N, C-alpha and C. Protein backbone atom coordinates (compact mmCIF):
# COMPACT_ATOMS: atom_id res chain seq x y z
N MET A 1 -24.19 1.47 -21.36
CA MET A 1 -24.83 2.56 -20.09
C MET A 1 -24.71 2.02 -18.50
N LYS A 2 -24.25 2.72 -18.03
CA LYS A 2 -23.97 2.56 -16.94
C LYS A 2 -25.41 1.92 -15.66
N THR A 3 -24.98 0.89 -15.04
CA THR A 3 -25.99 0.63 -14.39
C THR A 3 -26.42 1.62 -13.09
N VAL A 4 -26.98 1.68 -12.26
CA VAL A 4 -27.33 2.31 -11.33
C VAL A 4 -26.50 2.32 -10.14
N ALA A 5 -25.84 1.10 -9.82
CA ALA A 5 -24.85 0.86 -9.09
C ALA A 5 -23.70 1.66 -9.18
N GLU A 6 -23.42 1.33 -10.46
CA GLU A 6 -22.27 1.98 -11.27
C GLU A 6 -21.96 3.59 -11.21
N GLN A 7 -23.41 4.17 -11.12
CA GLN A 7 -23.45 5.77 -11.28
C GLN A 7 -23.31 6.09 -9.69
N LYS A 8 -23.64 5.38 -8.84
CA LYS A 8 -23.73 5.66 -7.18
C LYS A 8 -22.21 5.49 -6.68
N PHE A 9 -21.65 4.55 -7.24
CA PHE A 9 -20.10 4.05 -7.28
C PHE A 9 -19.20 5.45 -7.75
N ASP A 10 -19.53 5.90 -8.91
CA ASP A 10 -18.90 6.82 -9.50
C ASP A 10 -18.94 7.65 -8.78
N THR A 11 -19.86 8.13 -8.08
CA THR A 11 -20.36 9.62 -7.53
C THR A 11 -19.44 9.27 -5.86
N ILE A 12 -19.59 8.30 -5.23
CA ILE A 12 -18.23 7.77 -4.12
C ILE A 12 -16.93 8.55 -4.49
N ILE A 13 -16.61 7.77 -5.87
CA ILE A 13 -15.01 8.30 -6.28
C ILE A 13 -14.92 9.39 -6.25
N LYS A 14 -16.03 10.09 -7.03
CA LYS A 14 -15.66 11.89 -7.29
C LYS A 14 -16.01 12.57 -5.83
N ASP A 15 -16.71 12.24 -5.01
CA ASP A 15 -17.31 12.99 -3.95
C ASP A 15 -16.45 12.89 -2.34
N CYS A 16 -16.31 11.56 -2.39
CA CYS A 16 -15.40 11.32 -1.44
C CYS A 16 -13.92 10.92 -1.55
N PHE A 17 -13.25 10.86 -2.65
CA PHE A 17 -12.10 10.47 -2.95
C PHE A 17 -11.76 11.84 -3.48
N GLN A 18 -11.63 11.84 -4.97
CA GLN A 18 -11.20 13.21 -5.54
C GLN A 18 -11.06 14.47 -5.10
N THR A 19 -12.51 14.65 -4.51
CA THR A 19 -12.66 16.08 -3.76
C THR A 19 -11.59 16.46 -2.73
N PHE A 20 -11.25 15.33 -2.05
CA PHE A 20 -10.19 15.61 -1.04
C PHE A 20 -8.89 15.49 -1.41
N LEU A 21 -8.64 14.37 -2.48
CA LEU A 21 -7.35 14.01 -2.75
C LEU A 21 -6.32 14.73 -3.79
N LYS A 22 -7.52 15.18 -4.55
CA LYS A 22 -6.67 16.12 -5.64
C LYS A 22 -5.64 17.26 -4.99
N PRO A 23 -6.91 17.98 -4.01
CA PRO A 23 -5.99 19.16 -3.38
C PRO A 23 -4.82 19.36 -2.90
N LEU A 24 -4.36 17.88 -2.50
CA LEU A 24 -3.01 17.30 -1.62
C LEU A 24 -2.25 17.01 -2.91
N GLU A 25 -2.63 16.90 -4.06
CA GLU A 25 -1.61 16.70 -5.48
C GLU A 25 -1.66 15.16 -5.87
N PHE A 26 -2.91 14.44 -5.40
CA PHE A 26 -2.97 13.13 -5.76
C PHE A 26 -3.53 12.85 -7.32
N LYS A 27 -2.44 12.57 -7.90
CA LYS A 27 -3.24 12.49 -9.33
C LYS A 27 -4.19 10.93 -9.71
N LYS A 28 -5.24 11.31 -10.08
CA LYS A 28 -6.26 10.10 -10.34
C LYS A 28 -5.71 9.26 -11.80
N LYS A 29 -5.79 7.97 -11.60
CA LYS A 29 -5.83 7.00 -12.78
C LYS A 29 -6.62 5.88 -12.67
N GLY A 30 -8.06 6.11 -13.42
CA GLY A 30 -8.92 4.77 -13.17
C GLY A 30 -9.36 4.88 -11.65
N ASN A 31 -9.37 4.22 -10.75
CA ASN A 31 -9.46 4.09 -9.69
C ASN A 31 -8.80 4.19 -8.15
N ASN A 32 -7.91 4.67 -8.89
CA ASN A 32 -6.22 4.85 -8.07
C ASN A 32 -5.86 6.16 -8.11
N PHE A 33 -5.32 6.81 -6.82
CA PHE A 33 -4.97 8.39 -6.91
C PHE A 33 -3.57 7.93 -6.11
N TYR A 34 -2.45 8.80 -6.71
CA TYR A 34 -1.28 8.66 -6.42
C TYR A 34 -0.58 10.16 -6.38
N ARG A 35 0.16 10.11 -5.00
CA ARG A 35 0.92 11.42 -4.83
C ARG A 35 2.46 11.07 -4.85
N GLN A 36 3.61 11.54 -5.69
CA GLN A 36 4.65 11.43 -5.77
C GLN A 36 5.43 12.67 -4.54
N LEU A 37 6.16 12.04 -3.55
CA LEU A 37 6.81 13.19 -2.68
C LEU A 37 8.21 12.80 -3.11
N ALA A 38 9.41 13.72 -1.74
CA ALA A 38 10.82 13.57 -2.21
C ALA A 38 11.31 12.12 -2.11
N ASP A 39 10.69 11.54 -1.17
CA ASP A 39 11.70 10.09 -0.82
C ASP A 39 10.47 8.77 -1.20
N ILE A 40 9.17 9.38 -0.99
CA ILE A 40 8.25 8.03 -1.50
C ILE A 40 7.04 8.53 -2.19
N GLY A 41 6.28 7.43 -2.65
CA GLY A 41 5.34 7.97 -3.17
C GLY A 41 3.61 7.07 -2.32
N GLN A 42 2.43 7.42 -2.21
CA GLN A 42 1.51 7.47 -1.77
C GLN A 42 0.49 6.85 -2.60
N ILE A 43 -0.39 5.97 -2.23
CA ILE A 43 -1.58 5.52 -3.31
C ILE A 43 -2.40 4.80 -2.68
N VAL A 44 -3.33 5.17 -3.36
CA VAL A 44 -4.99 4.96 -2.53
C VAL A 44 -5.57 4.05 -3.53
N ASN A 45 -5.78 3.04 -3.35
CA ASN A 45 -6.74 2.41 -4.67
C ASN A 45 -7.81 1.70 -4.35
N ILE A 46 -8.78 1.80 -5.01
CA ILE A 46 -10.38 1.44 -4.61
C ILE A 46 -10.70 0.18 -5.72
N GLN A 47 -10.50 -0.93 -4.72
CA GLN A 47 -10.90 -2.28 -5.10
C GLN A 47 -12.01 -2.68 -5.31
N LYS A 48 -12.58 -3.25 -6.37
CA LYS A 48 -13.37 -4.14 -6.90
C LYS A 48 -13.88 -5.29 -6.51
N SER A 49 -14.66 -5.61 -5.41
CA SER A 49 -14.61 -7.27 -5.75
C SER A 49 -14.40 -7.85 -7.09
N SER A 50 -14.22 -9.18 -7.31
CA SER A 50 -14.78 -9.42 -8.79
C SER A 50 -16.19 -10.82 -8.51
N PHE A 51 -16.27 -11.08 -7.40
CA PHE A 51 -17.22 -11.72 -6.90
C PHE A 51 -18.77 -11.53 -7.21
N TYR A 52 -18.83 -9.92 -7.78
CA TYR A 52 -19.99 -9.42 -7.75
C TYR A 52 -20.01 -8.96 -8.96
N SER A 53 -21.37 -8.26 -9.55
CA SER A 53 -21.43 -7.67 -10.45
C SER A 53 -21.85 -5.83 -11.09
N LYS A 54 -22.29 -5.69 -12.28
CA LYS A 54 -22.48 -4.17 -12.37
C LYS A 54 -23.61 -3.82 -11.32
N GLU A 55 -24.31 -4.71 -10.95
CA GLU A 55 -25.75 -4.57 -10.09
C GLU A 55 -25.45 -4.37 -8.91
N HIS A 56 -24.44 -5.20 -8.30
CA HIS A 56 -24.21 -5.44 -7.10
C HIS A 56 -22.72 -5.19 -7.07
N ILE A 57 -21.96 -4.03 -6.31
CA ILE A 57 -20.64 -3.45 -6.45
C ILE A 57 -19.96 -3.50 -4.83
N SER A 58 -19.32 -4.72 -5.00
CA SER A 58 -18.11 -4.63 -3.38
C SER A 58 -17.30 -3.97 -3.51
N PHE A 59 -16.58 -3.13 -2.70
CA PHE A 59 -15.00 -2.52 -2.88
C PHE A 59 -14.74 -2.35 -1.38
N THR A 60 -13.38 -2.20 -1.44
CA THR A 60 -12.59 -2.02 -0.21
C THR A 60 -11.41 -1.17 -0.71
N ILE A 61 -10.60 -0.33 0.45
CA ILE A 61 -9.92 0.78 0.04
C ILE A 61 -8.50 0.05 0.33
N ASN A 62 -7.59 0.34 -0.32
CA ASN A 62 -6.29 -0.05 -0.39
C ASN A 62 -5.20 0.92 -0.42
N THR A 63 -4.40 1.09 0.54
CA THR A 63 -3.30 2.12 0.25
C THR A 63 -1.98 1.51 0.51
N GLY A 64 -1.00 1.95 -0.34
CA GLY A 64 0.09 1.69 -0.08
C GLY A 64 1.42 2.75 -0.49
N LEU A 65 2.32 2.58 0.44
CA LEU A 65 3.91 3.57 0.48
C LEU A 65 4.67 3.01 -0.61
N PHE A 66 5.24 3.88 -1.51
CA PHE A 66 5.97 3.28 -2.74
C PHE A 66 7.18 3.37 -2.65
N ILE A 67 8.41 2.82 -2.42
CA ILE A 67 9.36 3.05 -2.00
C ILE A 67 10.43 2.25 -3.05
N PRO A 68 10.92 3.45 -4.03
CA PRO A 68 11.53 3.50 -4.92
C PRO A 68 12.92 2.41 -4.65
N GLU A 69 13.92 2.54 -3.79
CA GLU A 69 14.89 1.53 -3.45
C GLU A 69 13.93 0.13 -3.18
N TYR A 70 13.35 0.10 -3.04
CA TYR A 70 12.93 -1.15 -2.53
C TYR A 70 12.43 -1.93 -4.18
N TRP A 71 11.76 -1.12 -4.58
CA TRP A 71 10.88 -1.51 -5.78
C TRP A 71 12.32 -2.21 -6.80
N LEU A 72 13.38 -1.19 -6.95
CA LEU A 72 14.50 -1.59 -7.80
C LEU A 72 15.12 -2.89 -7.46
N THR A 73 15.07 -2.95 -6.15
CA THR A 73 16.02 -4.19 -5.64
C THR A 73 15.22 -5.28 -5.53
N TYR A 74 13.67 -5.12 -5.16
CA TYR A 74 13.10 -6.56 -4.91
C TYR A 74 12.84 -7.25 -6.27
N TYR A 75 12.13 -6.23 -7.33
CA TYR A 75 11.85 -6.66 -8.49
C TYR A 75 12.63 -6.51 -9.83
N THR A 76 12.67 -7.51 -10.57
CA THR A 76 13.78 -7.69 -11.58
C THR A 76 13.22 -7.63 -12.87
N TYR A 77 11.95 -7.12 -13.26
CA TYR A 77 11.58 -7.11 -14.75
C TYR A 77 11.27 -5.51 -15.08
N HIS A 78 12.09 -4.62 -14.55
CA HIS A 78 12.42 -3.40 -14.98
C HIS A 78 13.88 -3.21 -15.79
N LYS A 79 14.00 -2.08 -15.92
CA LYS A 79 15.16 -1.19 -16.61
C LYS A 79 16.09 -0.41 -16.09
N GLY A 80 15.63 -0.43 -14.80
CA GLY A 80 16.46 0.55 -13.67
C GLY A 80 15.54 1.65 -13.84
N GLU A 81 14.39 1.80 -14.35
CA GLU A 81 13.55 2.96 -14.51
C GLU A 81 12.18 3.13 -13.61
N ILE A 82 12.33 3.97 -12.61
CA ILE A 82 11.14 3.90 -11.54
C ILE A 82 9.65 4.22 -12.35
N PRO A 83 8.59 3.80 -12.19
CA PRO A 83 7.50 3.85 -13.00
C PRO A 83 6.92 5.06 -12.50
N ASN A 84 6.39 5.84 -13.35
CA ASN A 84 5.66 7.12 -13.06
C ASN A 84 4.31 7.06 -12.36
N TYR A 85 3.87 6.01 -12.40
CA TYR A 85 2.37 5.69 -11.71
C TYR A 85 2.22 4.71 -11.25
N PRO A 86 3.08 3.99 -10.01
CA PRO A 86 3.10 2.53 -9.43
C PRO A 86 1.74 2.13 -9.08
N THR A 87 1.60 0.76 -9.11
CA THR A 87 0.00 0.25 -8.57
C THR A 87 0.44 -0.02 -7.21
N GLU A 88 -1.03 -0.22 -6.58
CA GLU A 88 -0.81 -0.18 -5.11
C GLU A 88 -0.15 -1.83 -4.85
N PRO A 89 0.00 -3.16 -5.73
CA PRO A 89 0.73 -4.37 -5.46
C PRO A 89 2.16 -3.95 -5.51
N ASP A 90 2.69 -2.64 -6.36
CA ASP A 90 4.25 -2.18 -5.97
C ASP A 90 4.53 -1.74 -4.81
N CYS A 91 3.80 -1.38 -3.97
CA CYS A 91 3.91 -1.10 -3.19
C CYS A 91 4.62 -1.49 -2.09
N ALA A 92 5.95 -1.23 -1.45
CA ALA A 92 6.62 -2.11 0.24
C ALA A 92 5.52 -2.51 1.37
N ILE A 93 5.01 -1.01 1.44
CA ILE A 93 3.89 -1.11 2.86
C ILE A 93 2.56 -0.88 1.99
N ARG A 94 1.58 -1.96 2.16
CA ARG A 94 -0.02 -1.70 1.77
C ARG A 94 -0.36 -2.09 3.16
N GLN A 95 -1.53 -1.51 3.00
CA GLN A 95 -2.56 -1.24 4.36
C GLN A 95 -4.11 -1.26 3.86
N ARG A 96 -4.82 -2.05 3.95
CA ARG A 96 -6.25 -1.76 3.91
C ARG A 96 -7.12 -0.73 4.57
N ILE A 97 -8.14 -0.28 4.29
CA ILE A 97 -8.98 0.55 5.48
C ILE A 97 -9.08 -0.14 6.83
N GLY A 98 -9.56 -1.74 6.39
CA GLY A 98 -9.74 -2.40 7.76
C GLY A 98 -8.80 -2.54 8.40
N LYS A 99 -7.54 -2.33 8.21
CA LYS A 99 -6.74 -2.20 9.22
C LYS A 99 -6.35 -1.01 10.13
N LEU A 100 -6.48 0.27 8.90
CA LEU A 100 -6.37 1.20 9.85
C LEU A 100 -7.36 2.01 10.46
N LYS A 101 -8.55 1.57 10.36
CA LYS A 101 -9.65 1.72 10.86
C LYS A 101 -10.94 0.91 11.83
N TYR A 102 -11.07 -0.29 11.08
CA TYR A 102 -12.03 -1.17 11.39
C TYR A 102 -11.60 -2.14 12.44
N ASN A 103 -10.39 -2.92 12.26
CA ASN A 103 -9.89 -3.85 13.00
C ASN A 103 -10.32 -5.26 12.35
N ILE A 104 -11.08 -5.28 11.02
CA ILE A 104 -11.31 -6.19 10.34
C ILE A 104 -11.10 -5.77 8.97
N ASP A 105 -11.43 -7.10 7.79
CA ASP A 105 -11.34 -6.77 6.68
C ASP A 105 -12.50 -6.15 5.87
N LYS A 106 -12.55 -4.81 5.96
CA LYS A 106 -13.74 -4.36 5.92
C LYS A 106 -14.19 -4.02 4.19
N TRP A 107 -15.57 -4.67 3.64
CA TRP A 107 -15.95 -4.31 2.32
C TRP A 107 -17.19 -3.64 2.44
N PHE A 108 -17.60 -2.51 1.37
CA PHE A 108 -18.73 -1.79 1.33
C PHE A 108 -19.49 -2.48 0.09
N ASP A 109 -20.72 -2.28 -0.06
CA ASP A 109 -21.45 -2.81 -1.02
C ASP A 109 -22.39 -1.25 -1.30
N ILE A 110 -23.15 -1.80 -2.58
CA ILE A 110 -23.87 -0.75 -3.15
C ILE A 110 -24.68 -1.40 -4.26
N GLU A 111 -25.71 -0.94 -4.14
CA GLU A 111 -26.89 -1.41 -5.27
C GLU A 111 -27.57 -0.36 -5.91
N ALA A 112 -28.15 -0.60 -6.84
CA ALA A 112 -29.58 0.19 -6.96
C ALA A 112 -30.17 0.83 -6.16
N ALA A 113 -30.97 0.17 -5.11
CA ALA A 113 -31.49 0.69 -3.87
C ALA A 113 -30.79 1.17 -2.73
N THR A 114 -29.39 1.44 -2.65
CA THR A 114 -28.44 1.63 -1.82
C THR A 114 -28.56 3.31 -1.50
N GLU A 115 -29.15 3.57 -0.44
CA GLU A 115 -28.76 4.98 0.02
C GLU A 115 -27.85 5.41 -0.02
N ILE A 116 -27.08 6.26 -0.49
CA ILE A 116 -25.73 6.45 -0.12
C ILE A 116 -25.23 7.48 0.31
N SER A 117 -25.86 8.03 1.04
CA SER A 117 -25.85 9.44 1.74
C SER A 117 -24.91 8.88 2.84
N GLU A 118 -25.08 8.10 3.68
CA GLU A 118 -24.53 7.43 4.85
C GLU A 118 -23.25 7.05 4.51
N LEU A 119 -23.11 6.05 3.53
CA LEU A 119 -21.87 5.86 2.89
C LEU A 119 -21.17 6.64 2.61
N LYS A 120 -21.72 7.83 1.78
CA LYS A 120 -20.62 8.91 1.68
C LYS A 120 -20.08 9.62 2.45
N GLN A 121 -20.90 9.46 3.83
CA GLN A 121 -20.53 10.03 5.14
C GLN A 121 -19.54 8.94 5.06
N GLU A 122 -19.46 7.57 5.68
CA GLU A 122 -18.56 6.97 6.03
C GLU A 122 -17.15 7.24 4.95
N MET A 123 -17.14 6.96 3.79
CA MET A 123 -16.35 7.12 3.12
C MET A 123 -15.52 8.28 3.12
N THR A 124 -16.00 9.51 3.50
CA THR A 124 -15.32 10.66 3.65
C THR A 124 -14.60 10.73 4.98
N ASP A 125 -15.20 10.28 6.06
CA ASP A 125 -14.54 10.13 7.35
C ASP A 125 -13.28 9.16 7.33
N ASN A 126 -13.52 7.86 6.59
CA ASN A 126 -12.26 7.12 5.75
C ASN A 126 -11.02 8.17 5.50
N VAL A 127 -11.28 8.65 4.22
CA VAL A 127 -10.47 9.35 3.76
C VAL A 127 -9.52 10.71 4.63
N VAL A 128 -10.85 11.26 5.31
CA VAL A 128 -10.15 12.65 5.67
C VAL A 128 -9.44 12.30 7.20
N ASN A 129 -9.99 10.72 8.16
CA ASN A 129 -9.61 11.31 9.42
C ASN A 129 -8.82 9.96 9.35
N TYR A 130 -8.47 9.23 8.31
CA TYR A 130 -7.76 7.86 8.63
C TYR A 130 -6.81 7.75 7.60
N ILE A 131 -7.36 7.77 6.11
CA ILE A 131 -6.06 7.98 5.29
C ILE A 131 -5.22 8.95 4.88
N ILE A 132 -5.88 10.11 4.88
CA ILE A 132 -5.02 11.17 4.74
C ILE A 132 -3.93 11.37 6.04
N PRO A 133 -4.27 11.16 7.50
CA PRO A 133 -3.01 11.19 8.34
C PRO A 133 -2.57 10.46 8.29
N TYR A 134 -3.06 9.29 7.58
CA TYR A 134 -1.90 7.81 7.76
C TYR A 134 -0.80 8.91 6.75
N PHE A 135 -0.99 9.25 5.69
CA PHE A 135 -0.11 9.69 4.69
C PHE A 135 0.60 10.46 5.21
N GLU A 136 -0.07 11.36 6.04
CA GLU A 136 1.08 12.53 6.53
C GLU A 136 1.91 12.57 7.69
N SER A 137 1.55 11.22 8.18
CA SER A 137 2.57 10.46 9.29
C SER A 137 3.65 9.47 8.55
N ASN A 138 3.32 9.83 7.45
CA ASN A 138 4.15 8.46 6.75
C ASN A 138 4.64 9.28 5.36
N LYS A 139 5.91 10.15 5.15
CA LYS A 139 6.03 10.71 3.91
C LYS A 139 7.47 10.92 3.72
N THR A 140 8.28 10.17 4.79
CA THR A 140 9.83 10.66 4.87
C THR A 140 10.37 9.41 4.93
N LYS A 141 11.54 9.20 4.34
CA LYS A 141 12.45 7.73 4.91
C LYS A 141 12.63 7.44 6.47
N VAL A 142 12.54 8.60 7.53
CA VAL A 142 12.48 8.26 8.73
C VAL A 142 11.35 8.02 9.40
N ASP A 143 10.11 8.42 8.52
CA ASP A 143 9.00 7.78 8.82
C ASP A 143 8.58 6.37 8.41
N VAL A 144 9.39 5.90 7.29
CA VAL A 144 9.23 4.31 6.90
C VAL A 144 10.15 3.56 7.90
N VAL A 145 11.23 3.70 8.43
CA VAL A 145 11.94 2.92 9.27
C VAL A 145 11.39 3.06 10.57
N ARG A 146 10.37 4.12 10.73
CA ARG A 146 9.32 3.93 12.12
C ARG A 146 8.51 3.04 12.04
N ILE A 147 8.12 3.48 10.85
CA ILE A 147 6.73 1.98 10.67
C ILE A 147 6.92 0.82 10.43
N LEU A 148 8.10 0.58 9.99
CA LEU A 148 8.96 -0.83 9.63
C LEU A 148 8.81 -1.69 10.94
N GLN A 149 8.97 -0.90 12.08
CA GLN A 149 9.24 -1.72 13.61
C GLN A 149 8.25 -1.87 14.07
N ASP A 150 7.13 -1.71 13.44
CA ASP A 150 5.42 -2.46 13.37
C ASP A 150 5.68 -3.90 13.17
N ASP A 151 5.67 -4.99 13.99
CA ASP A 151 5.83 -6.51 13.54
C ASP A 151 4.47 -6.67 12.99
N ASN A 152 3.29 -6.22 13.12
CA ASN A 152 2.25 -6.47 12.72
C ASN A 152 1.81 -6.45 11.41
N LEU A 153 2.93 -5.63 10.59
CA LEU A 153 2.60 -5.54 9.41
C LEU A 153 2.76 -6.49 8.20
N ASN A 154 1.94 -6.85 7.39
CA ASN A 154 1.86 -7.78 6.36
C ASN A 154 2.75 -7.71 5.41
N LEU A 155 4.02 -7.77 5.13
CA LEU A 155 4.89 -7.64 4.38
C LEU A 155 5.54 -8.68 3.50
N GLN A 156 6.07 -8.58 2.55
CA GLN A 156 6.77 -9.51 1.67
C GLN A 156 8.01 -9.66 2.76
N ASN A 157 8.51 -11.33 2.33
CA ASN A 157 9.74 -11.53 3.13
C ASN A 157 10.44 -10.79 3.25
N PHE A 158 11.35 -9.93 2.40
CA PHE A 158 12.49 -9.60 2.85
C PHE A 158 12.30 -7.92 2.56
N THR A 159 11.07 -7.18 3.04
CA THR A 159 10.79 -6.11 2.78
C THR A 159 11.78 -5.12 3.67
N ARG A 160 11.51 -5.65 4.95
CA ARG A 160 12.62 -4.92 6.16
C ARG A 160 14.21 -5.02 5.43
N LEU A 161 14.34 -6.12 5.44
CA LEU A 161 15.86 -6.15 5.31
C LEU A 161 16.27 -5.42 3.82
N ILE A 162 15.56 -5.10 2.74
CA ILE A 162 15.97 -4.51 1.78
C ILE A 162 15.95 -2.70 1.96
N VAL A 163 15.04 -2.62 2.98
CA VAL A 163 14.76 -0.98 2.97
C VAL A 163 15.58 -0.54 4.03
N PHE A 164 16.35 -1.66 5.29
CA PHE A 164 17.18 -1.00 6.30
C PHE A 164 18.19 -1.05 5.35
N GLY A 165 18.48 -1.91 4.38
CA GLY A 165 19.91 -2.05 3.52
C GLY A 165 20.06 -0.90 2.92
N GLU A 166 19.38 -0.60 2.19
CA GLU A 166 18.99 0.67 0.92
C GLU A 166 19.02 1.78 1.77
N TYR A 167 18.53 1.99 2.68
CA TYR A 167 18.62 3.21 3.66
C TYR A 167 20.04 3.27 4.45
N GLN A 168 20.54 2.21 4.53
CA GLN A 168 22.00 2.15 4.79
C GLN A 168 21.74 2.34 6.53
N HIS A 169 20.72 1.51 6.85
CA HIS A 169 20.67 1.23 8.69
C HIS A 169 20.95 -0.28 8.91
N PHE A 170 22.58 -0.26 8.49
CA PHE A 170 22.89 -2.04 8.85
C PHE A 170 23.06 -2.34 9.94
N ASP A 171 22.65 -2.10 10.84
CA ASP A 171 22.19 -2.55 12.28
C ASP A 171 20.97 -3.55 12.18
N LYS A 172 20.11 -2.26 12.03
CA LYS A 172 18.50 -3.33 11.82
C LYS A 172 18.58 -4.02 10.38
N ALA A 173 18.98 -3.68 9.46
CA ALA A 173 19.28 -4.86 8.46
C ALA A 173 20.20 -6.39 8.91
N GLN A 174 21.41 -5.92 9.61
CA GLN A 174 21.54 -7.32 10.33
C GLN A 174 20.60 -7.83 11.15
N ALA A 175 19.66 -6.84 11.94
CA ALA A 175 19.05 -7.65 13.15
C ALA A 175 18.16 -8.61 12.07
N GLU A 176 17.45 -8.05 11.29
CA GLU A 176 16.35 -8.80 10.37
C GLU A 176 17.12 -9.96 9.70
N TYR A 177 18.42 -9.94 9.15
CA TYR A 177 18.61 -11.05 8.29
C TYR A 177 19.00 -12.29 9.56
N ASN A 178 19.43 -11.69 11.00
CA ASN A 178 19.63 -12.87 11.78
C ASN A 178 17.95 -13.57 12.08
N LYS A 179 16.91 -12.85 12.18
CA LYS A 179 15.61 -13.21 12.15
C LYS A 179 15.20 -14.06 11.12
N LEU A 180 15.62 -13.73 9.59
CA LEU A 180 15.33 -14.47 8.78
C LEU A 180 15.99 -15.95 8.81
N LYS A 181 17.49 -15.67 8.87
CA LYS A 181 17.98 -16.95 8.99
C LYS A 181 17.11 -18.46 10.14
N GLN A 182 16.50 -17.71 10.82
CA GLN A 182 15.91 -18.32 12.05
C GLN A 182 14.45 -19.35 11.18
N ASP A 183 13.95 -18.49 10.28
CA ASP A 183 12.92 -19.00 9.58
C ASP A 183 12.99 -20.14 8.61
N LYS A 184 12.54 -21.51 8.96
CA LYS A 184 12.72 -22.61 8.29
C LYS A 184 12.32 -22.50 6.82
N TYR A 185 11.32 -21.60 6.69
CA TYR A 185 10.62 -21.50 5.27
C TYR A 185 11.47 -20.82 4.49
N ILE A 186 12.15 -19.86 4.79
CA ILE A 186 12.97 -18.77 4.13
C ILE A 186 14.32 -19.83 3.76
N VAL A 187 14.93 -20.67 4.71
CA VAL A 187 16.14 -21.15 4.61
C VAL A 187 16.01 -22.22 3.59
N ASN A 188 14.62 -22.60 3.39
CA ASN A 188 14.40 -24.45 2.91
C ASN A 188 13.92 -23.38 1.20
N ASN A 189 13.46 -22.56 1.37
CA ASN A 189 12.88 -22.11 0.01
C ASN A 189 13.67 -20.78 -0.63
N MET A 190 14.22 -20.22 0.13
CA MET A 190 14.56 -18.62 -0.60
C MET A 190 16.11 -18.54 0.01
N LYS A 191 16.99 -19.61 0.57
CA LYS A 191 18.29 -19.31 1.15
C LYS A 191 19.23 -18.44 0.13
N SER A 192 18.98 -19.06 -1.33
CA SER A 192 20.03 -18.17 -2.37
C SER A 192 19.79 -16.74 -2.36
N SER A 193 18.01 -16.28 -2.35
CA SER A 193 18.08 -14.59 -2.06
C SER A 193 18.43 -14.20 -0.97
N LEU A 194 18.10 -14.46 0.39
CA LEU A 194 18.50 -14.45 1.43
C LEU A 194 20.26 -13.83 1.56
N GLU A 195 21.09 -14.90 0.79
CA GLU A 195 22.36 -14.64 0.95
C GLU A 195 22.70 -13.73 0.11
N GLU A 196 21.86 -13.30 -1.28
CA GLU A 196 22.72 -12.64 -2.14
C GLU A 196 22.13 -10.63 -1.37
N TYR A 197 21.21 -11.00 -0.50
CA TYR A 197 20.92 -9.69 0.22
C TYR A 197 21.75 -9.42 1.34
N ARG A 198 22.52 -10.49 1.89
CA ARG A 198 23.63 -10.74 2.63
C ARG A 198 24.62 -9.98 2.39
N ASP A 199 25.26 -10.67 0.93
CA ASP A 199 26.18 -9.86 0.51
C ASP A 199 25.92 -8.42 -0.36
N LYS A 200 24.63 -8.21 -0.59
CA LYS A 200 24.37 -6.83 -1.26
C LYS A 200 24.95 -5.96 0.00
N TYR A 201 24.55 -6.27 1.54
CA TYR A 201 24.53 -5.28 2.54
C TYR A 201 25.70 -5.77 3.20
N LYS A 202 26.43 -6.67 2.76
CA LYS A 202 27.68 -6.74 3.57
C LYS A 202 27.52 -7.40 5.04
N LEU A 203 26.59 -8.08 5.32
CA LEU A 203 26.11 -8.43 6.60
C LEU A 203 26.65 -9.62 6.72
N VAL A 204 26.71 -10.59 8.13
CA VAL A 204 27.38 -11.45 8.17
C VAL A 204 26.60 -12.31 9.13
N ASP A 205 27.36 -13.65 8.70
CA ASP A 205 26.22 -14.84 9.34
C ASP A 205 26.77 -14.95 11.05
């Protein structure tokens, strides 16, 4: 039997996420909501902290933009088939609600005594006024190229290089390659990978 905190958490998922994301063709799987578009996929992940219990649930909201070309190139454990329902860690561009709204890494808490009416209002605001507009502004390859210009994005080392190369923005790929060549960590630990991408996209030293 679920605890009171778990029941309240389920109410948050249903009333504040599913209610607004399902009409936009997001498909629910566990605490994830995924929408596949023509160029990219979009995912919302409600992540529970492992440091708490069923009586005290702490959670945050992750968003991701899944780029098939990036996934096929960066990861090697597949057979060339795109997953039907990618997970948030599979995404090339990942943003937490703290980044989209609060400017801090924001977590939320639910206990048996938690009055969830205010929390529901806050979650609804997060989804309707921040997450959905973010996704609506980032739906195409053009949008992805634009958002990758943000130097404050927390990305895997080769994300920009791969996406620019796969999208055939070779001038941007070359510029990113030139930057990575100056990164001592990359040169000392990932030089072979960097050279593979250089050759793949026909970049020059």
